[in-house]
Amino acid sequence: MPLSIDDLERAIRNACPVTHLEITDQSSGCGESYAIVLVSEAFEGLSTLKRHRMVNDLLKAEIAQMHAFSQKTFTPAQYQAYLAKET
């Protein structure tokens, strides 16, 4: 059974504190490929690699149901800086 955006969002919000979350279904609605932008205080002091490993561990069951999963992870301060560069 394909994973829905709601299922993925619920799993993420249950796994860690979320300041901001964007989920994009990159598979035209079939639930096979998702990209996320996740902002959390839980990432403070962690390298990008450690953050990605943390998310992969927290979402192991959900990721196993997908063909592809990509993530961008930020601390709240990093996300504000990222947004400032975008404008």
PDB file of N, CA and C in Angstrom:
ATOM      1  N   MET A   1       0.846  -1.171   0.000  1.00  0.00           N
ATOM      2  CA  MET A   1       0.000   0.000   0.000  1.00  0.00           C
ATOM      3  C   MET A   1       0.901   1.247   0.000  1.00  0.00           C
ATOM      4  N   PRO A   2       0.636   2.195  -0.899  1.00  0.00           N
ATOM      5  CA  PRO A   2       1.465   3.397  -0.942  1.00  0.00           C
ATOM      6  C   PRO A   2       1.291   4.245   0.306  1.00  0.00           C
ATOM      7  N   LEU A   3       2.342   4.946   0.619  1.00  0.00           N
ATOM      8  CA  LEU A   3       2.360   5.834   1.778  1.00  0.00           C
ATOM      9  C   LEU A   3       1.775   7.179   1.384  1.00  0.00           C
ATOM     10  N   SER A   4       0.852   7.701   2.180  1.00  0.00           N
ATOM     11  CA  SER A   4       0.259   9.001   1.873  1.00  0.00           C
ATOM     12  C   SER A   4       1.058  10.116   2.558  1.00  0.00           C
ATOM     13  N   ILE A   5       0.864  11.329   2.078  1.00  0.00           N
ATOM     14  CA  ILE A   5       1.501  12.487   2.717  1.00  0.00           C
ATOM     15  C   ILE A   5       1.066  12.580   4.175  1.00  0.00           C
ATOM     16  N   ASP A   6      -0.211  12.335   4.445  1.00  0.00           N
ATOM     17  CA  ASP A   6      -0.709  12.390   5.828  1.00  0.00           C
ATOM     18  C   ASP A   6      -0.017  11.370   6.719  1.00  0.00           C
ATOM     19  N   ASP A   7       0.187  10.161   6.199  1.00  0.00           N
ATOM     20  CA  ASP A   7       0.874   9.119   6.967  1.00  0.00           C
ATOM     21  C   ASP A   7       2.310   9.536   7.277  1.00  0.00           C
ATOM     22  N   LEU A   8       2.991  10.078   6.268  1.00  0.00           N
ATOM     23  CA  LEU A   8       4.370  10.501   6.449  1.00  0.00           C
ATOM     24  C   LEU A   8       4.449  11.668   7.426  1.00  0.00           C
ATOM     25  N   GLU A   9       3.553  12.625   7.290  1.00  0.00           N
ATOM     26  CA  GLU A   9       3.548  13.768   8.212  1.00  0.00           C
ATOM     27  C   GLU A   9       3.308  13.311   9.645  1.00  0.00           C
ATOM     28  N   ARG A  10       2.371  12.420   9.840  1.00  0.00           N
ATOM     29  CA  ARG A  10       2.061  11.906  11.178  1.00  0.00           C
ATOM     30  C   ARG A  10       3.290  11.205  11.779  1.00  0.00           C
ATOM     31  N   ALA A  11       3.967  10.412  10.982  1.00  0.00           N
ATOM     32  CA  ALA A  11       5.147   9.696  11.459  1.00  0.00           C
ATOM     33  C   ALA A  11       6.255  10.673  11.859  1.00  0.00           C
ATOM     34  N   ILE A  12       6.465  11.702  11.052  1.00  0.00           N
ATOM     35  CA  ILE A  12       7.508  12.687  11.364  1.00  0.00           C
ATOM     36  C   ILE A  12       7.158  13.447  12.628  1.00  0.00           C
ATOM     37  N   ARG A  13       5.941  13.927  12.715  1.00  0.00           N
ATOM     38  CA  ARG A  13       5.534  14.723  13.892  1.00  0.00           C
ATOM     39  C   ARG A  13       5.545  13.888  15.172  1.00  0.00           C
ATOM     40  N   ASN A  14       5.296  12.596  15.070  1.00  0.00           N
ATOM     41  CA  ASN A  14       5.347  11.718  16.244  1.00  0.00           C
ATOM     42  C   ASN A  14       6.782  11.369  16.638  1.00  0.00           C
ATOM     43  N   ALA A  15       7.718  11.499  15.695  1.00  0.00           N
ATOM     44  CA  ALA A  15       9.096  11.065  15.933  1.00  0.00           C
ATOM     45  C   ALA A  15       9.993  12.146  16.521  1.00  0.00           C
ATOM     46  N   CYS A  16       9.716  13.413  16.209  1.00  0.00           N
ATOM     47  CA  CYS A  16      10.589  14.477  16.698  1.00  0.00           C
ATOM     48  C   CYS A  16       9.829  15.800  16.755  1.00  0.00           C
ATOM     49  N   PRO A  17      10.365  16.761  17.519  1.00  0.00           N
ATOM     50  CA  PRO A  17       9.712  18.074  17.565  1.00  0.00           C
ATOM     51  C   PRO A  17       9.888  18.782  16.219  1.00  0.00           C
ATOM     52  N   VAL A  18       8.800  19.313  15.686  1.00  0.00           N
ATOM     53  CA  VAL A  18       8.823  19.934  14.363  1.00  0.00           C
ATOM     54  C   VAL A  18       8.500  21.416  14.488  1.00  0.00           C
ATOM     55  N   THR A  19       9.393  22.244  13.964  1.00  0.00           N
ATOM     56  CA  THR A  19       9.142  23.681  13.885  1.00  0.00           C
ATOM     57  C   THR A  19       8.481  24.014  12.553  1.00  0.00           C
ATOM     58  N   HIS A  20       8.946  23.358  11.491  1.00  0.00           N
ATOM     59  CA  HIS A  20       8.394  23.566  10.147  1.00  0.00           C
ATOM     60  C   HIS A  20       8.574  22.264   9.367  1.00  0.00           C
ATOM     61  N   LEU A  21       7.577  21.944   8.539  1.00  0.00           N
ATOM     62  CA  LEU A  21       7.645  20.727   7.740  1.00  0.00           C
ATOM     63  C   LEU A  21       6.989  20.969   6.393  1.00  0.00           C
ATOM     64  N   GLU A  22       7.701  20.624   5.338  1.00  0.00           N
ATOM     65  CA  GLU A  22       7.150  20.621   3.982  1.00  0.00           C
ATOM     66  C   GLU A  22       7.364  19.218   3.418  1.00  0.00           C
ATOM     67  N   ILE A  23       6.312  18.665   2.854  1.00  0.00           N
ATOM     68  CA  ILE A  23       6.401  17.348   2.221  1.00  0.00           C
ATOM     69  C   ILE A  23       5.926  17.483   0.789  1.00  0.00           C
ATOM     70  N   THR A  24       6.734  17.006  -0.142  1.00  0.00           N
ATOM     71  CA  THR A  24       6.386  17.054  -1.555  1.00  0.00           C
ATOM     72  C   THR A  24       6.364  15.635  -2.106  1.00  0.00           C
ATOM     73  N   ASP A  25       5.224  15.263  -2.673  1.00  0.00           N
ATOM     74  CA  ASP A  25       5.114  13.973  -3.352  1.00  0.00           C
ATOM     75  C   ASP A  25       5.699  14.163  -4.749  1.00  0.00           C
ATOM     76  N   GLN A  26       6.827  13.557  -5.013  1.00  0.00           N
ATOM     77  CA  GLN A  26       7.503  13.704  -6.297  1.00  0.00           C
ATOM     78  C   GLN A  26       7.151  12.580  -7.267  1.00  0.00           C
ATOM     79  N   SER A  27       6.132  11.803  -6.909  1.00  0.00           N
ATOM     80  CA  SER A  27       5.770  10.645  -7.725  1.00  0.00           C
ATOM     81  C   SER A  27       4.410  10.807  -8.390  1.00  0.00           C
ATOM     82  N   SER A  28       3.947  12.026  -8.526  1.00  0.00           N
ATOM     83  CA  SER A  28       2.658  12.302  -9.179  1.00  0.00           C
ATOM     84  C   SER A  28       1.491  11.633  -8.457  1.00  0.00           C
ATOM     85  N   GLY A  29       1.598  11.530  -7.144  1.00  0.00           N
ATOM     86  CA  GLY A  29       0.481  11.037  -6.357  1.00  0.00           C
ATOM     87  C   GLY A  29       0.466   9.565  -6.029  1.00  0.00           C
ATOM     88  N   CYS A  30       1.448   8.809  -6.482  1.00  0.00           N
ATOM     89  CA  CYS A  30       1.401   7.363  -6.207  1.00  0.00           C
ATOM     90  C   CYS A  30       2.070   6.994  -4.878  1.00  0.00           C
ATOM     91  N   GLY A  31       2.714   7.945  -4.205  1.00  0.00           N
ATOM     92  CA  GLY A  31       3.281   7.680  -2.892  1.00  0.00           C
ATOM     93  C   GLY A  31       4.581   6.910  -2.906  1.00  0.00           C
ATOM     94  N   GLU A  32       5.297   6.943  -3.997  1.00  0.00           N
ATOM     95  CA  GLU A  32       6.551   6.194  -4.110  1.00  0.00           C
ATOM     96  C   GLU A  32       7.795   7.043  -3.860  1.00  0.00           C
ATOM     97  N   SER A  33       7.665   8.378  -3.962  1.00  0.00           N
ATOM     98  CA  SER A  33       8.835   9.245  -3.857  1.00  0.00           C
ATOM     99  C   SER A  33       8.452  10.554  -3.162  1.00  0.00           C
ATOM    100  N   TYR A  34       9.147  10.842  -2.064  1.00  0.00           N
ATOM    101  CA  TYR A  34       8.864  12.051  -1.304  1.00  0.00           C
ATOM    102  C   TYR A  34      10.141  12.832  -1.043  1.00  0.00           C
ATOM    103  N   ALA A  35       9.976  14.146  -0.977  1.00  0.00           N
ATOM    104  CA  ALA A  35      11.046  15.048  -0.551  1.00  0.00           C
ATOM    105  C   ALA A  35      10.499  15.843   0.624  1.00  0.00           C
ATOM    106  N   ILE A  36      11.327  16.023   1.645  1.00  0.00           N
ATOM    107  CA  ILE A  36      10.884  16.797   2.807  1.00  0.00           C
ATOM    108  C   ILE A  36      11.878  17.902   3.126  1.00  0.00           C
ATOM    109  N   VAL A  37      11.338  18.963   3.712  1.00  0.00           N
ATOM    110  CA  VAL A  37      12.131  19.994   4.367  1.00  0.00           C
ATOM    111  C   VAL A  37      11.671  19.942   5.817  1.00  0.00           C
ATOM    112  N   LEU A  38      12.590  19.644   6.723  1.00  0.00           N
ATOM    113  CA  LEU A  38      12.261  19.462   8.130  1.00  0.00           C
ATOM    114  C   LEU A  38      13.112  20.394   8.978  1.00  0.00           C
ATOM    115  N   VAL A  39      12.439  21.206   9.780  1.00  0.00           N
ATOM    116  CA  VAL A  39      13.110  22.123  10.691  1.00  0.00           C
ATOM    117  C   VAL A  39      12.776  21.678  12.111  1.00  0.00           C
ATOM    118  N   SER A  40      13.825  21.467  12.920  1.00  0.00           N
ATOM    119  CA  SER A  40      13.609  20.972  14.283  1.00  0.00           C
ATOM    120  C   SER A  40      14.736  21.409  15.204  1.00  0.00           C
ATOM    121  N   GLU A  41      14.374  21.695  16.441  1.00  0.00           N
ATOM    122  CA  GLU A  41      15.379  21.988  17.468  1.00  0.00           C
ATOM    123  C   GLU A  41      16.222  20.754  17.762  1.00  0.00           C
ATOM    124  N   ALA A  42      15.707  19.583  17.445  1.00  0.00           N
ATOM    125  CA  ALA A  42      16.434  18.334  17.707  1.00  0.00           C
ATOM    126  C   ALA A  42      17.722  18.239  16.892  1.00  0.00           C
ATOM    127  N   PHE A  43      17.862  19.077  15.875  1.00  0.00           N
ATOM    128  CA  PHE A  43      19.046  19.041  15.022  1.00  0.00           C
ATOM    129  C   PHE A  43      20.189  19.923  15.532  1.00  0.00           C
ATOM    130  N   GLU A  44      19.946  20.672  16.593  1.00  0.00           N
ATOM    131  CA  GLU A  44      20.986  21.552  17.146  1.00  0.00           C
ATOM    132  C   GLU A  44      22.237  20.742  17.476  1.00  0.00           C
ATOM    133  N   GLY A  45      23.376  21.214  16.982  1.00  0.00           N
ATOM    134  CA  GLY A  45      24.652  20.579  17.291  1.00  0.00           C
ATOM    135  C   GLY A  45      24.978  19.344  16.469  1.00  0.00           C
ATOM    136  N   LEU A  46      24.095  18.955  15.551  1.00  0.00           N
ATOM    137  CA  LEU A  46      24.332  17.768  14.727  1.00  0.00           C
ATOM    138  C   LEU A  46      24.765  18.175  13.325  1.00  0.00           C
ATOM    139  N   SER A  47      25.673  17.410  12.744  1.00  0.00           N
ATOM    140  CA  SER A  47      26.068  17.624  11.353  1.00  0.00           C
ATOM    141  C   SER A  47      24.914  17.206  10.445  1.00  0.00           C
ATOM    142  N   THR A  48      24.985  17.619   9.192  1.00  0.00           N
ATOM    143  CA  THR A  48      23.955  17.235   8.226  1.00  0.00           C
ATOM    144  C   THR A  48      23.854  15.716   8.113  1.00  0.00           C
ATOM    145  N   LEU A  49      24.989  15.042   8.075  1.00  0.00           N
ATOM    146  CA  LEU A  49      24.984  13.585   7.985  1.00  0.00           C
ATOM    147  C   LEU A  49      24.275  12.957   9.183  1.00  0.00           C
ATOM    148  N   LYS A  50      24.572  13.434  10.384  1.00  0.00           N
ATOM    149  CA  LYS A  50      23.924  12.882  11.583  1.00  0.00           C
ATOM    150  C   LYS A  50      22.422  13.166  11.585  1.00  0.00           C
ATOM    151  N   ARG A  51      22.028  14.327  11.086  1.00  0.00           N
ATOM    152  CA  ARG A  51      20.598  14.657  10.996  1.00  0.00           C
ATOM    153  C   ARG A  51      19.900  13.690  10.048  1.00  0.00           C
ATOM    154  N   HIS A  52      20.509  13.475   8.894  1.00  0.00           N
ATOM    155  CA  HIS A  52      19.888  12.588   7.912  1.00  0.00           C
ATOM    156  C   HIS A  52      19.817  11.155   8.428  1.00  0.00           C
ATOM    157  N   ARG A  53      20.852  10.719   9.097  1.00  0.00           N
ATOM    158  CA  ARG A  53      20.812   9.371   9.691  1.00  0.00           C
ATOM    159  C   ARG A  53      19.725   9.278  10.755  1.00  0.00           C
ATOM    160  N   MET A  54      19.573  10.351  11.538  1.00  0.00           N
ATOM    161  CA  MET A  54      18.543  10.379  12.576  1.00  0.00           C
ATOM    162  C   MET A  54      17.151  10.250  11.947  1.00  0.00           C
ATOM    163  N   VAL A  55      16.888  11.038  10.907  1.00  0.00           N
ATOM    164  CA  VAL A  55      15.592  10.991  10.233  1.00  0.00           C
ATOM    165  C   VAL A  55      15.381   9.613   9.601  1.00  0.00           C
ATOM    166  N   ASN A  56      16.406   9.088   8.949  1.00  0.00           N
ATOM    167  CA  ASN A  56      16.294   7.758   8.342  1.00  0.00           C
ATOM    168  C   ASN A  56      15.966   6.693   9.384  1.00  0.00           C
ATOM    169  N   ASP A  57      16.586   6.780  10.555  1.00  0.00           N
ATOM    170  CA  ASP A  57      16.297   5.824  11.626  1.00  0.00           C
ATOM    171  C   ASP A  57      14.873   5.992  12.148  1.00  0.00           C
ATOM    172  N   LEU A  58      14.444   7.244  12.339  1.00  0.00           N
ATOM    173  CA  LEU A  58      13.106   7.509  12.872  1.00  0.00           C
ATOM    174  C   LEU A  58      12.004   7.073  11.910  1.00  0.00           C
ATOM    175  N   LEU A  59      12.295   7.144  10.613  1.00  0.00           N
ATOM    176  CA  LEU A  59      11.289   6.834   9.594  1.00  0.00           C
ATOM    177  C   LEU A  59      11.595   5.545   8.835  1.00  0.00           C
ATOM    178  N   LYS A  60      12.307   4.654   9.473  1.00  0.00           N
ATOM    179  CA  LYS A  60      12.748   3.420   8.812  1.00  0.00           C
ATOM    180  C   LYS A  60      11.592   2.664   8.149  1.00  0.00           C
ATOM    181  N   ALA A  61      10.501   2.485   8.854  1.00  0.00           N
ATOM    182  CA  ALA A  61       9.360   1.724   8.313  1.00  0.00           C
ATOM    183  C   ALA A  61       8.717   2.450   7.139  1.00  0.00           C
ATOM    184  N   GLU A  62       8.610   3.765   7.240  1.00  0.00           N
ATOM    185  CA  GLU A  62       7.988   4.546   6.168  1.00  0.00           C
ATOM    186  C   GLU A  62       8.881   4.583   4.922  1.00  0.00           C
ATOM    187  N   ILE A  63      10.181   4.783   5.131  1.00  0.00           N
ATOM    188  CA  ILE A  63      11.108   4.845   4.001  1.00  0.00           C
ATOM    189  C   ILE A  63      11.153   3.500   3.268  1.00  0.00           C
ATOM    190  N   ALA A  64      10.978   2.411   3.982  1.00  0.00           N
ATOM    191  CA  ALA A  64      10.986   1.082   3.361  1.00  0.00           C
ATOM    192  C   ALA A  64       9.841   0.919   2.358  1.00  0.00           C
ATOM    193  N   GLN A  65       8.798   1.721   2.492  1.00  0.00           N
ATOM    194  CA  GLN A  65       7.647   1.641   1.590  1.00  0.00           C
ATOM    195  C   GLN A  65       7.806   2.524   0.354  1.00  0.00           C
ATOM    196  N   MET A  66       8.897   3.296   0.284  1.00  0.00           N
ATOM    197  CA  MET A  66       9.091   4.249  -0.814  1.00  0.00           C
ATOM    198  C   MET A  66      10.158   3.763  -1.785  1.00  0.00           C
ATOM    199  N   HIS A  67      10.103   4.328  -2.969  1.00  0.00           N
ATOM    200  CA  HIS A  67      11.146   4.099  -3.961  1.00  0.00           C
ATOM    201  C   HIS A  67      12.281   5.096  -3.744  1.00  0.00           C
ATOM    202  N   ALA A  68      11.929   6.353  -3.394  1.00  0.00           N
ATOM    203  CA  ALA A  68      12.937   7.398  -3.197  1.00  0.00           C
ATOM    204  C   ALA A  68      12.502   8.352  -2.087  1.00  0.00           C
ATOM    205  N   PHE A  69      13.492   8.839  -1.342  1.00  0.00           N
ATOM    206  CA  PHE A  69      13.235   9.768  -0.240  1.00  0.00           C
ATOM    207  C   PHE A  69      14.403  10.735  -0.162  1.00  0.00           C
ATOM    208  N   SER A  70      14.112  12.033  -0.210  1.00  0.00           N
ATOM    209  CA  SER A  70      15.166  13.029  -0.042  1.00  0.00           C
ATOM    210  C   SER A  70      14.754  13.988   1.064  1.00  0.00           C
ATOM    211  N   GLN A  71      15.753  14.551   1.705  1.00  0.00           N
ATOM    212  CA  GLN A  71      15.476  15.412   2.844  1.00  0.00           C
ATOM    213  C   GLN A  71      16.441  16.576   2.918  1.00  0.00           C
ATOM    214  N   LYS A  72      15.903  17.692   3.383  1.00  0.00           N
ATOM    215  CA  LYS A  72      16.703  18.846   3.779  1.00  0.00           C
ATOM    216  C   LYS A  72      16.347  19.082   5.233  1.00  0.00           C
ATOM    217  N   THR A  73      17.362  19.177   6.071  1.00  0.00           N
ATOM    218  CA  THR A  73      17.132  19.343   7.501  1.00  0.00           C
ATOM    219  C   THR A  73      17.828  20.608   7.981  1.00  0.00           C
ATOM    220  N   PHE A  74      17.125  21.353   8.814  1.00  0.00           N
ATOM    221  CA  PHE A  74      17.642  22.610   9.332  1.00  0.00           C
ATOM    222  C   PHE A  74      17.307  22.769  10.810  1.00  0.00           C
ATOM    223  N   THR A  75      18.146  23.515  11.514  1.00  0.00           N
ATOM    224  CA  THR A  75      17.755  24.025  12.821  1.00  0.00           C
ATOM    225  C   THR A  75      16.883  25.249  12.539  1.00  0.00           C
ATOM    226  N   PRO A  76      16.126  25.735  13.512  1.00  0.00           N
ATOM    227  CA  PRO A  76      15.324  26.936  13.254  1.00  0.00           C
ATOM    228  C   PRO A  76      16.161  28.130  12.791  1.00  0.00           C
ATOM    229  N   ALA A  77      17.325  28.353  13.383  1.00  0.00           N
ATOM    230  CA  ALA A  77      18.176  29.479  12.981  1.00  0.00           C
ATOM    231  C   ALA A  77      18.696  29.285  11.560  1.00  0.00           C
ATOM    232  N   GLN A  78      19.086  28.083  11.216  1.00  0.00           N
ATOM    233  CA  GLN A  78      19.564  27.812   9.861  1.00  0.00           C
ATOM    234  C   GLN A  78      18.451  28.013   8.833  1.00  0.00           C
ATOM    235  N   TYR A  79      17.244  27.635   9.195  1.00  0.00           N
ATOM    236  CA  TYR A  79      16.122  27.794   8.272  1.00  0.00           C
ATOM    237  C   TYR A  79      15.824  29.265   8.026  1.00  0.00           C
ATOM    238  N   GLN A  80      15.900  30.078   9.078  1.00  0.00           N
ATOM    239  CA  GLN A  80      15.692  31.520   8.904  1.00  0.00           C
ATOM    240  C   GLN A  80      16.749  32.111   7.982  1.00  0.00           C
ATOM    241  N   ALA A  81      17.999  31.693   8.138  1.00  0.00           N
ATOM    242  CA  ALA A  81      19.076  32.156   7.261  1.00  0.00           C
ATOM    243  C   ALA A  81      18.845  31.683   5.827  1.00  0.00           C
ATOM    244  N   TYR A  82      18.382  30.460   5.662  1.00  0.00           N
ATOM    245  CA  TYR A  82      18.079  29.889   4.345  1.00  0.00           C
ATOM    246  C   TYR A  82      16.983  30.710   3.669  1.00  0.00           C
ATOM    247  N   LEU A  83      15.928  31.041   4.411  1.00  0.00           N
ATOM    248  CA  LEU A  83      14.835  31.837   3.863  1.00  0.00           C
ATOM    249  C   LEU A  83      15.318  33.231   3.471  1.00  0.00           C
ATOM    250  N   ALA A  84      16.190  33.809   4.269  1.00  0.00           N
ATOM    251  CA  ALA A  84      16.708  35.143   3.967  1.00  0.00           C
ATOM    252  C   ALA A  84      17.488  35.152   2.660  1.00  0.00           C
ATOM    253  N   LYS A  85      18.210  34.071   2.368  1.00  0.00           N
ATOM    254  CA  LYS A  85      18.960  33.968   1.120  1.00  0.00           C
ATOM    255  C   LYS A  85      18.043  33.800  -0.080  1.00  0.00           C
ATOM    256  N   GLU A  86      16.890  33.178   0.135  1.00  0.00           N
ATOM    257  CA  GLU A  86      15.944  32.914  -0.937  1.00  0.00           C
ATOM    258  C   GLU A  86      15.287  34.198  -1.457  1.00  0.00           C
ATOM    259  N   THR A  87      15.188  35.222  -0.622  1.00  0.00           N
ATOM    260  CA  THR A  87      14.502  36.452  -1.029  1.00  0.00           C
ATOM    261  C   THR A  87      15.419  37.485  -1.588  1.00  0.00           C
TER     262      THR A  87
END
